[in-house]
C-alpha atoms as a PDB file:
ATOM      1  CA  MET A   1     -20.764   1.997 -12.459  1.00  0.00           C
ATOM      2  CA  GLY A   2     -20.609   5.475 -10.932  1.00  0.00           C
ATOM      3  CA  TYR A   3     -20.350   4.477  -7.287  1.00  0.00           C
ATOM      4  CA  ASP A   4     -19.592   6.993  -4.543  1.00  0.00           C
ATOM      5  CA  SER A   5     -15.834   7.417  -4.122  1.00  0.00           C
ATOM      6  CA  ALA A   6     -16.140   6.187  -0.524  1.00  0.00           C
ATOM      7  CA  VAL A   7     -16.163   2.710  -2.068  1.00  0.00           C
ATOM      8  CA  ALA A   8     -12.440   3.107  -2.792  1.00  0.00           C
ATOM      9  CA  ARG A   9     -11.678   3.748   0.875  1.00  0.00           C
ATOM     10  CA  ALA A  10     -13.764   0.783   2.016  1.00  0.00           C
ATOM     11  CA  MET A  11     -12.030  -1.551  -0.440  1.00  0.00           C
ATOM     12  CA  TRP A  12      -8.538  -0.298   0.421  1.00  0.00           C
ATOM     13  CA  ALA A  13      -9.138  -0.681   4.136  1.00  0.00           C
ATOM     14  CA  ALA A  14     -10.575  -4.178   3.693  1.00  0.00           C
ATOM     15  CA  MET A  15      -7.615  -5.435   1.676  1.00  0.00           C
ATOM     16  CA  GLU A  16      -4.679  -3.651   3.353  1.00  0.00           C
ATOM     17  CA  GLY A  17      -4.142  -6.195   6.121  1.00  0.00           C
ATOM     18  CA  PHE A  18      -4.000  -9.054   3.633  1.00  0.00           C
ATOM     19  CA  THR A  19      -2.043  -7.240   0.933  1.00  0.00           C
ATOM     20  CA  GLY A  20       0.477  -5.459   3.122  1.00  0.00           C
ATOM     21  CA  ALA A  21       1.420  -8.736   4.808  1.00  0.00           C
ATOM     22  CA  GLY A  22       3.084  -9.867   1.592  1.00  0.00           C
ATOM     23  CA  LEU A  23       5.700  -7.148   1.973  1.00  0.00           C
ATOM     24  CA  LEU A  24       6.582  -8.078   5.541  1.00  0.00           C
ATOM     25  CA  THR A  25       5.823 -11.708   6.313  1.00  0.00           C
ATOM     26  CA  SER A  26       8.574 -14.075   7.446  1.00  0.00           C
ATOM     27  CA  GLU A  27       7.889 -16.517   4.606  1.00  0.00           C
ATOM     28  CA  VAL A  28       8.655 -13.878   1.989  1.00  0.00           C
ATOM     29  CA  ARG A  29      11.771 -12.820   3.880  1.00  0.00           C
ATOM     30  CA  SER A  30      12.921 -16.426   4.122  1.00  0.00           C
ATOM     31  CA  VAL A  31      12.795 -17.121   0.376  1.00  0.00           C
ATOM     32  CA  LEU A  32      15.013 -14.113  -0.291  1.00  0.00           C
ATOM     33  CA  LYS A  33      17.401 -14.625   2.627  1.00  0.00           C
ATOM     34  CA  PRO A  34      19.655 -16.990   0.614  1.00  0.00           C
ATOM     35  CA  PHE A  35      20.509 -14.026  -1.619  1.00  0.00           C
ATOM     36  CA  GLY A  36      21.802 -12.093   1.377  1.00  0.00           C
ATOM     37  CA  LEU A  37      18.890  -9.684   1.594  1.00  0.00           C
ATOM     38  CA  SER A  38      18.041  -8.171   4.965  1.00  0.00           C
ATOM     39  CA  GLY A  39      14.469  -7.594   6.075  1.00  0.00           C
ATOM     40  CA  MET A  40      14.602  -3.980   4.921  1.00  0.00           C
ATOM     41  CA  GLN A  41      16.098  -4.986   1.576  1.00  0.00           C
ATOM     42  CA  THR A  42      13.374  -7.600   1.141  1.00  0.00           C
ATOM     43  CA  PHE A  43      10.694  -4.936   1.525  1.00  0.00           C
ATOM     44  CA  PHE A  44      12.291  -2.711  -1.100  1.00  0.00           C
ATOM     45  CA  ALA A  45      13.000  -5.629  -3.429  1.00  0.00           C
ATOM     46  CA  VAL A  46       9.492  -7.082  -3.309  1.00  0.00           C
ATOM     47  CA  ARG A  47       7.723  -3.766  -3.698  1.00  0.00           C
ATOM     48  CA  SER A  48       9.976  -2.368  -6.435  1.00  0.00           C
ATOM     49  CA  ALA A  49      10.637  -5.555  -8.446  1.00  0.00           C
ATOM     50  CA  PRO A  50       7.625  -5.042 -10.759  1.00  0.00           C
ATOM     51  CA  MET A  51       9.352  -1.855 -11.995  1.00  0.00           C
ATOM     52  CA  GLY A  52      12.396  -3.864 -13.074  1.00  0.00           C
ATOM     53  CA  ALA A  53      15.924  -3.145 -11.870  1.00  0.00           C
ATOM     54  CA  ALA A  54      15.073   0.413 -10.897  1.00  0.00           C
ATOM     55  CA  THR A  55      17.720   2.655  -9.359  1.00  0.00           C
ATOM     56  CA  ALA A  56      17.410   3.902  -5.803  1.00  0.00           C
ATOM     57  CA  PRO A  57      16.494   7.461  -6.907  1.00  0.00           C
ATOM     58  CA  ALA A  58      13.710   6.110  -9.101  1.00  0.00           C
ATOM     59  CA  VAL A  59      12.392   3.952  -6.258  1.00  0.00           C
ATOM     60  CA  ALA A  60      12.563   6.884  -3.829  1.00  0.00           C
ATOM     61  CA  ALA A  61      10.552   8.995  -6.270  1.00  0.00           C
ATOM     62  CA  ALA A  62       7.928   6.279  -6.735  1.00  0.00           C
ATOM     63  CA  PHE A  63       7.606   5.506  -3.010  1.00  0.00           C
ATOM     64  CA  HIS A  64       7.632   9.256  -2.154  1.00  0.00           C
ATOM     65  CA  GLY A  65       7.465   8.990   1.647  1.00  0.00           C
ATOM     66  CA  PHE A  66      10.960   7.560   2.222  1.00  0.00           C
ATOM     67  CA  ALA A  67      14.141   9.595   2.645  1.00  0.00           C
ATOM     68  CA  PRO A  68      16.579   8.956  -0.244  1.00  0.00           C
ATOM     69  CA  ALA A  69      19.246   7.721   2.185  1.00  0.00           C
ATOM     70  CA  VAL A  70      16.909   5.016   3.488  1.00  0.00           C
ATOM     71  CA  VAL A  71      16.107   3.898  -0.053  1.00  0.00           C
ATOM     72  CA  ASP A  72      19.830   3.893  -0.911  1.00  0.00           C
ATOM     73  CA  ARG A  73      20.479   1.495   1.975  1.00  0.00           C
ATOM     74  CA  GLY A  74      17.436  -0.604   1.208  1.00  0.00           C
ATOM     75  CA  MET A  75      18.279  -0.952  -2.481  1.00  0.00           C
ATOM     76  CA  HIS A  76      22.032  -1.408  -2.049  1.00  0.00           C
ATOM     77  CA  GLY A  77      23.287  -4.447  -3.936  1.00  0.00           C
ATOM     78  CA  ILE A  78      19.843  -5.956  -4.506  1.00  0.00           C
ATOM     79  CA  TRP A  79      19.968  -6.251  -8.286  1.00  0.00           C
ATOM     80  CA  THR A  80      23.470  -7.685  -8.279  1.00  0.00           C
ATOM     81  CA  ALA A  81      22.322 -10.404  -5.855  1.00  0.00           C
ATOM     82  CA  VAL A  82      18.995 -11.342  -7.460  1.00  0.00           C
ATOM     83  CA  THR A  83      16.957 -10.330 -10.499  1.00  0.00           C
ATOM     84  CA  PRO A  84      13.535  -8.646 -10.385  1.00  0.00           C
ATOM     85  CA  PRO A  85      11.800 -11.625 -12.095  1.00  0.00           C
ATOM     86  CA  ALA A  86      13.291 -13.944  -9.474  1.00  0.00           C
ATOM     87  CA  VAL A  87      12.084 -11.677  -6.668  1.00  0.00           C
ATOM     88  CA  ILE A  88       8.585 -11.669  -8.140  1.00  0.00           C
ATOM     89  CA  ALA A  89       8.468 -15.460  -8.481  1.00  0.00           C
ATOM     90  CA  LEU A  90       9.921 -16.040  -5.023  1.00  0.00           C
ATOM     91  CA  SER A  91       7.561 -13.538  -3.407  1.00  0.00           C
ATOM     92  CA  HIS A  92       4.628 -15.426  -4.936  1.00  0.00           C
ATOM     93  CA  ASP A  93       5.974 -18.642  -3.446  1.00  0.00           C
ATOM     94  CA  GLY A  94       6.583 -17.017  -0.077  1.00  0.00           C
ATOM     95  CA  PHE A  95       3.124 -15.485   0.026  1.00  0.00           C
ATOM     96  CA  ALA A  96       1.521 -18.829  -0.802  1.00  0.00           C
ATOM     97  CA  ARG A  97       3.379 -20.355   2.161  1.00  0.00           C
ATOM     98  CA  PHE A  98       2.288 -17.505   4.391  1.00  0.00           C
ATOM     99  CA  ALA A  99      -1.350 -17.973   3.360  1.00  0.00           C
ATOM    100  CA  ALA A 100      -1.206 -21.724   3.943  1.00  0.00           C
ATOM    101  CA  ARG A 101       0.072 -21.114   7.466  1.00  0.00           C
ATOM    102  CA  THR A 102      -2.285 -18.254   8.252  1.00  0.00           C
ATOM    103  CA  PHE A 103      -5.550 -19.531   6.816  1.00  0.00           C
ATOM    104  CA  GLY A 104      -4.996 -23.251   7.272  1.00  0.00           C
ATOM    105  CA  GLU A 105      -5.429 -26.326   5.115  1.00  0.00           C
ATOM    106  CA  GLY A 106      -9.160 -26.324   5.721  1.00  0.00           C
ATOM    107  CA  PHE A 107      -9.749 -22.987   4.029  1.00  0.00           C
ATOM    108  CA  PRO A 108     -12.006 -23.364   0.950  1.00  0.00           C
ATOM    109  CA  VAL A 109      -9.473 -22.137  -1.602  1.00  0.00           C
ATOM    110  CA  ASP A 110     -12.033 -22.537  -4.395  1.00  0.00           C
ATOM    111  CA  SER A 111     -13.906 -19.577  -2.871  1.00  0.00           C
ATOM    112  CA  LEU A 112     -11.070 -17.301  -4.025  1.00  0.00           C
ATOM    113  CA  ALA A 113     -11.613 -17.995  -7.707  1.00  0.00           C
ATOM    114  CA  GLN A 114     -14.614 -15.819  -8.561  1.00  0.00           C
ATOM    115  CA  PRO A 115     -13.643 -12.688  -6.598  1.00  0.00           C
ATOM    116  CA  THR A 116     -10.063 -12.986  -7.855  1.00  0.00           C
ATOM    117  CA  ALA A 117     -11.232 -13.273 -11.455  1.00  0.00           C
ATOM    118  CA  ALA A 118     -13.345 -10.127 -11.110  1.00  0.00           C
ATOM    119  CA  LEU A 119     -10.478  -8.155  -9.590  1.00  0.00           C
ATOM    120  CA  ALA A 120      -7.969  -9.554 -12.100  1.00  0.00           C
ATOM    121  CA  SER A 121     -10.123  -8.325 -14.964  1.00  0.00           C
ATOM    122  CA  ALA A 122     -10.439  -4.865 -13.426  1.00  0.00           C
ATOM    123  CA  VAL A 123      -6.743  -4.352 -12.685  1.00  0.00           C
ATOM    124  CA  ALA A 124      -5.700  -5.748 -16.065  1.00  0.00           C
ATOM    125  CA  SER A 125      -7.783  -3.241 -18.016  1.00  0.00           C
ATOM    126  CA  VAL A 126      -7.454  -0.099 -15.904  1.00  0.00           C
ATOM    127  CA  ASP A 127      -5.475   2.816 -17.377  1.00  0.00           C
ATOM    128  CA  VAL A 128      -2.208   3.084 -15.439  1.00  0.00           C
ATOM    129  CA  ALA A 129      -0.737   6.107 -17.240  1.00  0.00           C
ATOM    130  CA  GLY A 130       1.250   8.128 -14.715  1.00  0.00           C
ATOM    131  CA  ARG A 131       1.090   5.356 -12.104  1.00  0.00           C
ATOM    132  CA  VAL A 132       4.475   3.643 -12.183  1.00  0.00           C
ATOM    133  CA  LEU A 133       4.020   1.121  -9.360  1.00  0.00           C
ATOM    134  CA  ALA A 134       0.573   0.104 -10.549  1.00  0.00           C
ATOM    135  CA  ALA A 135       1.884  -0.226 -14.104  1.00  0.00           C
ATOM    136  CA  GLY A 136       4.680  -2.525 -12.982  1.00  0.00           C
ATOM    137  CA  ASN A 137       2.320  -4.748 -11.014  1.00  0.00           C
ATOM    138  CA  GLN A 138      -0.200  -4.805 -13.855  1.00  0.00           C
ATOM    139  CA  ALA A 139       2.504  -6.156 -16.178  1.00  0.00           C
ATOM    140  CA  VAL A 140       3.371  -9.082 -13.885  1.00  0.00           C
ATOM    141  CA  THR A 141       2.106 -12.410 -15.206  1.00  0.00           C
ATOM    142  CA  LEU A 142      -0.366 -13.685 -12.665  1.00  0.00           C
ATOM    143  CA  PRO A 143       0.792 -16.835 -10.851  1.00  0.00           C
ATOM    144  CA  GLU A 144      -1.198 -20.059 -10.867  1.00  0.00           C
ATOM    145  CA  ASP A 145      -1.330 -20.398  -7.081  1.00  0.00           C
ATOM    146  CA  PRO A 146      -4.715 -18.969  -5.995  1.00  0.00           C
ATOM    147  CA  TRP A 147      -3.362 -17.184  -2.931  1.00  0.00           C
ATOM    148  CA  ALA A 148      -0.469 -15.573  -4.795  1.00  0.00           C
ATOM    149  CA  ARG A 149      -2.796 -14.705  -7.668  1.00  0.00           C
ATOM    150  CA  LEU A 150      -5.205 -12.836  -5.390  1.00  0.00           C
ATOM    151  CA  TRP A 151      -2.310 -11.128  -3.639  1.00  0.00           C
ATOM    152  CA  ARG A 152      -0.769  -9.855  -6.873  1.00  0.00           C
ATOM    153  CA  CYS A 153      -4.138  -8.486  -7.998  1.00  0.00           C
ATOM    154  CA  THR A 154      -4.595  -6.680  -4.696  1.00  0.00           C
ATOM    155  CA  MET A 155      -1.031  -5.360  -4.945  1.00  0.00           C
ATOM    156  CA  THR A 156      -1.913  -3.758  -8.275  1.00  0.00           C
ATOM    157  CA  ALA A 157      -5.021  -2.199  -6.726  1.00  0.00           C
ATOM    158  CA  ARG A 158      -3.040  -1.083  -3.672  1.00  0.00           C
ATOM    159  CA  GLU A 159      -0.295   0.527  -5.734  1.00  0.00           C
ATOM    160  CA  PHE A 160      -2.872   2.142  -8.038  1.00  0.00           C
ATOM    161  CA  ARG A 161      -4.315   3.895  -5.013  1.00  0.00           C
ATOM    162  CA  GLY A 162      -0.836   4.694  -3.714  1.00  0.00           C
ATOM    163  CA  ASP A 163       0.235   6.218  -7.014  1.00  0.00           C
ATOM    164  CA  SER A 164      -2.963   8.259  -7.010  1.00  0.00           C
ATOM    165  CA  HIS A 165      -2.211   9.451  -3.477  1.00  0.00           C
ATOM    166  CA  VAL A 166       1.327  10.485  -4.411  1.00  0.00           C
ATOM    167  CA  ALA A 167      -0.042  12.409  -7.396  1.00  0.00           C
ATOM    168  CA  ALA A 168      -2.386  14.325  -5.095  1.00  0.00           C
ATOM    169  CA  LEU A 169       0.405  15.079  -2.632  1.00  0.00           C
ATOM    170  CA  VAL A 170       2.729  16.323  -5.364  1.00  0.00           C
ATOM    171  CA  ALA A 171      -0.052  18.402  -6.914  1.00  0.00           C
ATOM    172  CA  HIS A 172      -0.387  20.192  -3.579  1.00  0.00           C
ATOM    173  CA  ASN A 173       3.380  20.781  -3.410  1.00  0.00           C
ATOM    174  CA  LEU A 174       4.035  18.453  -0.475  1.00  0.00           C
ATOM    175  CA  SER A 175       7.378  16.708  -0.081  1.00  0.00           C
ATOM    176  CA  GLY A 176       7.650  13.213   1.367  1.00  0.00           C
ATOM    177  CA  PRO A 177       8.442  14.393   4.912  1.00  0.00           C
ATOM    178  CA  GLU A 178       5.812  17.147   4.740  1.00  0.00           C
ATOM    179  CA  SER A 179       3.225  14.609   3.628  1.00  0.00           C
ATOM    180  CA  GLN A 180       4.034  12.324   6.542  1.00  0.00           C
ATOM    181  CA  VAL A 181       3.901  15.142   9.094  1.00  0.00           C
ATOM    182  CA  LEU A 182       0.590  16.345   7.680  1.00  0.00           C
ATOM    183  CA  SER A 183      -0.913  12.852   7.788  1.00  0.00           C
ATOM    184  CA  THR A 184       0.167  12.129  11.351  1.00  0.00           C
ATOM    185  CA  ALA A 185      -1.290  15.453  12.477  1.00  0.00           C
ATOM    186  CA  TRP A 186      -4.508  14.520  10.672  1.00  0.00           C
ATOM    187  CA  LYS A 187      -4.807  11.077  12.312  1.00  0.00           C
ATOM    188  CA  PRO A 188      -2.473  11.125  15.341  1.00  0.00           C
ATOM    189  CA  ASP A 189      -4.051   8.039  16.900  1.00  0.00           C
ATOM    190  CA  GLY A 190      -3.615   5.934  13.769  1.00  0.00           C
ATOM    191  CA  TYR A 191       0.137   6.187  13.307  1.00  0.00           C
ATOM    192  CA  ASP A 192       3.075   4.734  15.173  1.00  0.00           C
ATOM    193  CA  ILE A 193       4.997   7.961  14.697  1.00  0.00           C
ATOM    194  CA  PRO A 194       8.406   6.815  16.042  1.00  0.00           C
ATOM    195  CA  MET A 195       8.248   3.743  13.806  1.00  0.00           C
ATOM    196  CA  LEU A 196       7.197   5.837  10.823  1.00  0.00           C
ATOM    197  CA  GLN A 197      10.012   8.332  11.415  1.00  0.00           C
ATOM    198  CA  ARG A 198      12.601   5.575  11.814  1.00  0.00           C
ATOM    199  CA  SER A 199      11.498   3.370   8.911  1.00  0.00           C
ATOM    200  CA  ARG A 200      11.157   6.324   6.511  1.00  0.00           C
ATOM    201  CA  GLY A 201      14.341   8.067   7.657  1.00  0.00           C
ATOM    202  CA  ILE A 202      12.595  11.322   8.538  1.00  0.00           C
ATOM    203  CA  GLU A 203      13.592  11.765  12.168  1.00  0.00           C
ATOM    204  CA  GLY A 204      15.083  14.750  13.951  1.00  0.00           C
ATOM    205  CA  GLU A 205      15.953  17.753  11.830  1.00  0.00           C
ATOM    206  CA  VAL A 206      14.179  16.365   8.755  1.00  0.00           C
ATOM    207  CA  TRP A 207      10.905  16.056  10.673  1.00  0.00           C
ATOM    208  CA  SER A 208      11.359  19.464  12.271  1.00  0.00           C
ATOM    209  CA  ALA A 209      12.074  21.101   8.931  1.00  0.00           C
ATOM    210  CA  ALA A 210       8.894  19.599   7.497  1.00  0.00           C
ATOM    211  CA  GLN A 211       6.920  20.925  10.458  1.00  0.00           C
ATOM    212  CA  GLU A 212       8.379  24.390   9.917  1.00  0.00           C
ATOM    213  CA  ALA A 213       7.511  24.297   6.220  1.00  0.00           C
ATOM    214  CA  LEU A 214       3.925  23.292   6.963  1.00  0.00           C
ATOM    215  CA  GLY A 215       3.699  25.951   9.641  1.00  0.00           C
ATOM    216  CA  ALA A 216       4.879  28.605   7.204  1.00  0.00           C
ATOM    217  CA  ARG A 217       2.020  27.577   4.897  1.00  0.00           C
ATOM    218  CA  GLY A 218      -0.471  27.879   7.743  1.00  0.00           C
ATOM    219  CA  LEU A 219      -1.272  24.150   7.705  1.00  0.00           C
ATOM    220  CA  ILE A 220      -0.152  23.228  11.234  1.00  0.00           C
ATOM    221  CA  ASP A 221      -0.046  25.272  14.405  1.00  0.00           C
ATOM    222  CA  ALA A 222       2.715  25.802  16.957  1.00  0.00           C
ATOM    223  CA  GLN A 223       1.708  22.630  18.815  1.00  0.00           C
ATOM    224  CA  GLY A 224       1.908  20.501  15.663  1.00  0.00           C
ATOM    225  CA  GLY A 225      -1.833  20.165  15.222  1.00  0.00           C
ATOM    226  CA  LEU A 226      -3.702  20.903  12.020  1.00  0.00           C
ATOM    227  CA  THR A 227      -5.115  24.337  11.420  1.00  0.00           C
ATOM    228  CA  ALA A 228      -8.475  24.729   9.690  1.00  0.00           C
ATOM    229  CA  ASP A 229      -6.615  25.094   6.385  1.00  0.00           C
ATOM    230  CA  GLY A 230      -4.563  22.005   7.161  1.00  0.00           C
ATOM    231  CA  ARG A 231      -7.657  19.915   7.890  1.00  0.00           C
ATOM    232  CA  GLU A 232      -9.305  21.138   4.723  1.00  0.00           C
ATOM    233  CA  LEU A 233      -6.264  20.325   2.599  1.00  0.00           C
ATOM    234  CA  ARG A 234      -5.677  16.862   4.069  1.00  0.00           C
ATOM    235  CA  ALA A 235      -9.351  15.952   3.684  1.00  0.00           C
ATOM    236  CA  LEU A 236      -9.232  17.168   0.081  1.00  0.00           C
ATOM    237  CA  ILE A 237      -6.185  15.019  -0.636  1.00  0.00           C
ATOM    238  CA  GLU A 238      -7.958  11.947   0.713  1.00  0.00           C
ATOM    239  CA  THR A 239     -11.054  12.669  -1.361  1.00  0.00           C
ATOM    240  CA  GLN A 240      -8.952  13.154  -4.482  1.00  0.00           C
ATOM    241  CA  THR A 241      -7.150   9.882  -3.781  1.00  0.00           C
ATOM    242  CA  ASP A 242     -10.445   8.030  -3.403  1.00  0.00           C
ATOM    243  CA  GLU A 243     -11.837   9.557  -6.580  1.00  0.00           C
ATOM    244  CA  ALA A 244      -8.765   8.606  -8.613  1.00  0.00           C
ATOM    245  CA  ALA A 245      -8.731   5.069  -7.189  1.00  0.00           C
ATOM    246  CA  MET A 246     -12.314   4.498  -8.329  1.00  0.00           C
ATOM    247  CA  ARG A 247     -11.116   3.737 -11.876  1.00  0.00           C
ATOM    248  CA  ILE A 248     -10.637   0.153 -10.688  1.00  0.00           C
ATOM    249  CA  TRP A 249     -13.716  -0.299  -8.552  1.00  0.00           C
ATOM    250  CA  ASP A 250     -16.123   1.291 -11.023  1.00  0.00           C
ATOM    251  CA  GLN A 251     -15.490  -1.667 -13.319  1.00  0.00           C
ATOM    252  CA  LEU A 252     -17.023  -4.172 -10.884  1.00  0.00           C
ATOM    253  CA  SER A 253     -20.711  -4.891 -10.479  1.00  0.00           C
ATOM    254  CA  ALA A 254     -22.314  -4.320  -7.095  1.00  0.00           C
ATOM    255  CA  LEU A 255     -22.378  -8.086  -6.512  1.00  0.00           C
ATOM    256  CA  GLU A 256     -18.707  -8.458  -7.444  1.00  0.00           C
ATOM    257  CA  LEU A 257     -17.751  -5.611  -5.115  1.00  0.00           C
ATOM    258  CA  LYS A 258     -19.716  -7.097  -2.238  1.00  0.00           C
ATOM    259  CA  GLN A 259     -18.203 -10.542  -2.728  1.00  0.00           C
ATOM    260  CA  LEU A 260     -14.667  -9.198  -3.015  1.00  0.00           C
ATOM    261  CA  HIS A 261     -15.083  -6.875  -0.035  1.00  0.00           C
ATOM    262  CA  ALA A 262     -16.455  -9.688   2.130  1.00  0.00           C
ATOM    263  CA  LEU A 263     -13.573 -11.974   1.168  1.00  0.00           C
ATOM    264  CA  LEU A 264     -10.841  -9.388   1.723  1.00  0.00           C
ATOM    265  CA  LEU A 265     -12.358  -8.228   4.996  1.00  0.00           C
ATOM    266  CA  SER A 266     -12.428 -11.800   6.255  1.00  0.00           C
ATOM    267  CA  LEU A 267      -8.828 -12.439   5.196  1.00  0.00           C
ATOM    268  CA  SER A 268      -7.536  -9.172   6.657  1.00  0.00           C
ATOM    269  CA  THR A 269      -9.390  -9.833   9.911  1.00  0.00           C
ATOM    270  CA  THR A 270      -7.564 -13.154  10.229  1.00  0.00           C
ATOM    271  CA  VAL A 271      -4.195 -11.598   9.361  1.00  0.00           C
ATOM    272  CA  MET A 272      -4.740  -8.882  11.958  1.00  0.00           C
ATOM    273  CA  GLY A 273      -5.746 -11.337  14.629  1.00  0.00           C
ATOM    274  CA  GLY A 274      -9.285 -10.025  14.916  1.00  0.00           C
ATOM    275  CA  ALA A 275      -8.228  -6.516  15.967  1.00  0.00           C
ATOM    276  CA  THR A 276     -11.229  -4.334  16.746  1.00  0.00           C
ATOM    277  CA  SER A 277      -9.498  -0.952  16.519  1.00  0.00           C
ATOM    278  CA  THR A 278      -7.023   0.638  14.138  1.00  0.00           C
ATOM    279  CA  PRO A 279      -3.563  -0.797  14.813  1.00  0.00           C
ATOM    280  CA  LYS A 280      -0.946   1.918  14.825  1.00  0.00           C
ATOM    281  CA  SER A 281       1.299   1.619  11.791  1.00  0.00           C
ATOM    282  CA  ALA A 282       3.173   3.627   9.187  1.00  0.00           C
ATOM    283  CA  VAL A 283       0.205   3.393   6.794  1.00  0.00           C
ATOM    284  CA  SER A 284      -2.854   3.740   9.028  1.00  0.00           C
ATOM    285  CA  ALA A 285      -5.524   2.217   6.864  1.00  0.00           C
ATOM    286  CA  PRO A 286      -8.822   2.614   8.738  1.00  0.00           C
ATOM    287  CA  TRP A 287      -9.829  -0.406  10.802  1.00  0.00           C
ATOM    288  CA  PRO A 288     -12.452  -1.706  11.050  1.00  0.00           C
ATOM    289  CA  PRO A 289     -12.976  -0.668   7.428  1.00  0.00           C
ATOM    290  CA  PRO A 290     -15.805   1.704   6.563  1.00  0.00           C
ATOM    291  CA  GLU A 291     -18.993   0.017   5.475  1.00  0.00           C
ATOM    292  CA  LEU A 292     -19.234  -0.741   1.763  1.00  0.00           C
ATOM    293  CA  ALA A 293     -22.186   1.544   1.018  1.00  0.00           C
ATOM    294  CA  ILE A 294     -23.599   0.246  -2.256  1.00  0.00           C
ATOM    295  CA  THR A 295     -27.015  -1.140  -3.183  1.00  0.00           C
END
């Protein structure tokens, strides 16, 4: 349709609260607990399962922002305890339970059908060459449950954007730790930096080494803030990510985009408890989301 690439940012921000919950919610953890998976292992299992029984190095490469040692621990023993197809099926069941609890029995589930169908069509047909996480999610057979079906479609869209972001970071010769340091300097109020460092395994010397590398490139200053070159580069990366992510959203009509955005914004608002400012996290999707500027 040739929309402005800002549409991609508005859609990502509107869906992140809803979509990201499926990687963390207690219901998803509970359905995998019988296999002996910890909370951290559940995250890695659910997110990587669409790629099949991938090795830890392959998962670390696809995720990009995690230290290999963290991925090694997170992936340890997963595929001997449970298979990827089982993880996918169980995560659908767990997400459906989460949605039932979060949105209540009175939610008009029929209202999910049309926006989900539009998104399902878009993510099924989009070219995923070079986007390994999006490709894996695209290949998953969509579940019958309407909540799980919408979630899987948004996961494909989320990972499509994520793969696009990683491609931009790699193209600009940024390692995982360097990318995280650059992003937190770009939006210091949007990140829970200690949590990000701990969960990604990039604390201490690893973080300091990334800062030194960025400083040597003239991207951050002695105080850890972005230089003019650093701001320009990080803004460029975000623009390139948005532009690449538009391959999905350009397939939807203006009406379909508006309906899907309204639905996802409503769902994410409920998941986030009606937060009116950006909650600090390791992802820092903008909240409230930017306006969907289409006619």
